[in-house]
C-alpha atoms as a PDB file:
ATOM      1  CA  UNK A   1      12.572  13.083  14.580  1.00  0.00           C
ATOM      2  CA  UNK A   2      10.168  12.875  11.208  1.00  0.00           C
ATOM      3  CA  UNK A   3       7.242  10.029  11.067  1.00  0.00           C
ATOM      4  CA  UNK A   4       6.012   9.467   7.316  1.00  0.00           C
ATOM      5  CA  UNK A   5       3.268   8.379   6.471  1.00  0.00           C
ATOM      6  CA  UNK A   6       3.391   4.390   5.239  1.00  0.00           C
ATOM      7  CA  UNK A   7       0.522   2.426   2.788  1.00  0.00           C
ATOM      8  CA  UNK A   8      -2.552   2.824   3.681  1.00  0.00           C
ATOM      9  CA  UNK A   9      -2.254   6.281   5.912  1.00  0.00           C
ATOM     10  CA  UNK A  10      -1.386   8.047   2.622  1.00  0.00           C
ATOM     11  CA  UNK A  11      -3.862  10.453   1.562  1.00  0.00           C
ATOM     12  CA  UNK A  12      -3.211  11.861  -2.089  1.00  0.00           C
ATOM     13  CA  UNK A  13      -5.516   9.823  -4.930  1.00  0.00           C
ATOM     14  CA  UNK A  14      -2.260  10.234  -6.683  1.00  0.00           C
ATOM     15  CA  UNK A  15       1.667  10.095  -5.657  1.00  0.00           C
ATOM     16  CA  UNK A  16       4.919  10.564  -7.323  1.00  0.00           C
ATOM     17  CA  UNK A  17       7.279   6.888  -7.272  1.00  0.00           C
ATOM     18  CA  UNK A  18      10.192   6.156  -6.746  1.00  0.00           C
ATOM     19  CA  UNK A  19      11.557   2.946  -6.915  1.00  0.00           C
ATOM     20  CA  UNK A  20      14.027   1.009  -4.444  1.00  0.00           C
ATOM     21  CA  UNK A  21      16.850   1.923  -6.619  1.00  0.00           C
ATOM     22  CA  UNK A  22      15.721   5.459  -6.743  1.00  0.00           C
ATOM     23  CA  UNK A  23      14.447   4.861 -10.540  1.00  0.00           C
ATOM     24  CA  UNK A  24      11.184   7.738 -10.658  1.00  0.00           C
ATOM     25  CA  UNK A  25       8.063   5.428 -11.784  1.00  0.00           C
ATOM     26  CA  UNK A  26       6.475   8.819 -12.643  1.00  0.00           C
ATOM     27  CA  UNK A  27       3.365   9.986 -11.761  1.00  0.00           C
ATOM     28  CA  UNK A  28       0.444   7.090 -10.753  1.00  0.00           C
ATOM     29  CA  UNK A  29      -2.504   6.537  -8.684  1.00  0.00           C
ATOM     30  CA  UNK A  30      -1.793   5.550  -4.993  1.00  0.00           C
ATOM     31  CA  UNK A  31      -3.755   2.309  -5.430  1.00  0.00           C
ATOM     32  CA  UNK A  32      -1.085   1.655  -8.132  1.00  0.00           C
ATOM     33  CA  UNK A  33       1.063   2.321  -6.037  1.00  0.00           C
ATOM     34  CA  UNK A  34       0.191   0.203  -3.411  1.00  0.00           C
ATOM     35  CA  UNK A  35      -0.104  -2.555  -5.721  1.00  0.00           C
ATOM     36  CA  UNK A  36       3.750  -2.244  -6.716  1.00  0.00           C
ATOM     37  CA  UNK A  37       5.055  -1.547  -3.386  1.00  0.00           C
ATOM     38  CA  UNK A  38       2.699  -5.154  -1.939  1.00  0.00           C
ATOM     39  CA  UNK A  39       4.427  -6.873  -5.232  1.00  0.00           C
ATOM     40  CA  UNK A  40       8.172  -5.991  -4.125  1.00  0.00           C
ATOM     41  CA  UNK A  41       7.278  -6.965  -0.351  1.00  0.00           C
ATOM     42  CA  UNK A  42       8.137  -4.067   0.553  1.00  0.00           C
ATOM     43  CA  UNK A  43       5.776  -0.907   2.277  1.00  0.00           C
ATOM     44  CA  UNK A  44       4.978   1.950   0.445  1.00  0.00           C
ATOM     45  CA  UNK A  45       6.459   5.745   2.327  1.00  0.00           C
ATOM     46  CA  UNK A  46       5.112   9.493   1.850  1.00  0.00           C
ATOM     47  CA  UNK A  47       8.856  10.846   2.018  1.00  0.00           C
ATOM     48  CA  UNK A  48       7.419  14.393   0.527  1.00  0.00           C
ATOM     49  CA  UNK A  49       4.162  15.152   2.034  1.00  0.00           C
ATOM     50  CA  UNK A  50       4.701  18.749   0.696  1.00  0.00           C
ATOM     51  CA  UNK A  51       5.332  18.163  -2.824  1.00  0.00           C
ATOM     52  CA  UNK A  52       2.347  18.143  -5.217  1.00  0.00           C
ATOM     53  CA  UNK A  53       1.837  15.347  -6.655  1.00  0.00           C
ATOM     54  CA  UNK A  54       3.434  13.693  -2.918  1.00  0.00           C
ATOM     55  CA  UNK A  55       6.645  11.760  -3.628  1.00  0.00           C
ATOM     56  CA  UNK A  56       6.965   7.954  -2.470  1.00  0.00           C
ATOM     57  CA  UNK A  57       9.555   5.306  -2.541  1.00  0.00           C
END
């Protein structure tokens, strides 16, 4: 089973963010992605770490 990095474990400076409905929000700084997830009461999960930039939901 694959383990995913979550929240502060994500090391990238920028990520491609996809919201909870599957809508792509674009490439944004990790701090902004963490803020968005926190405001929605969600964890930020890095689902494609090999992508450039990594993809997070």
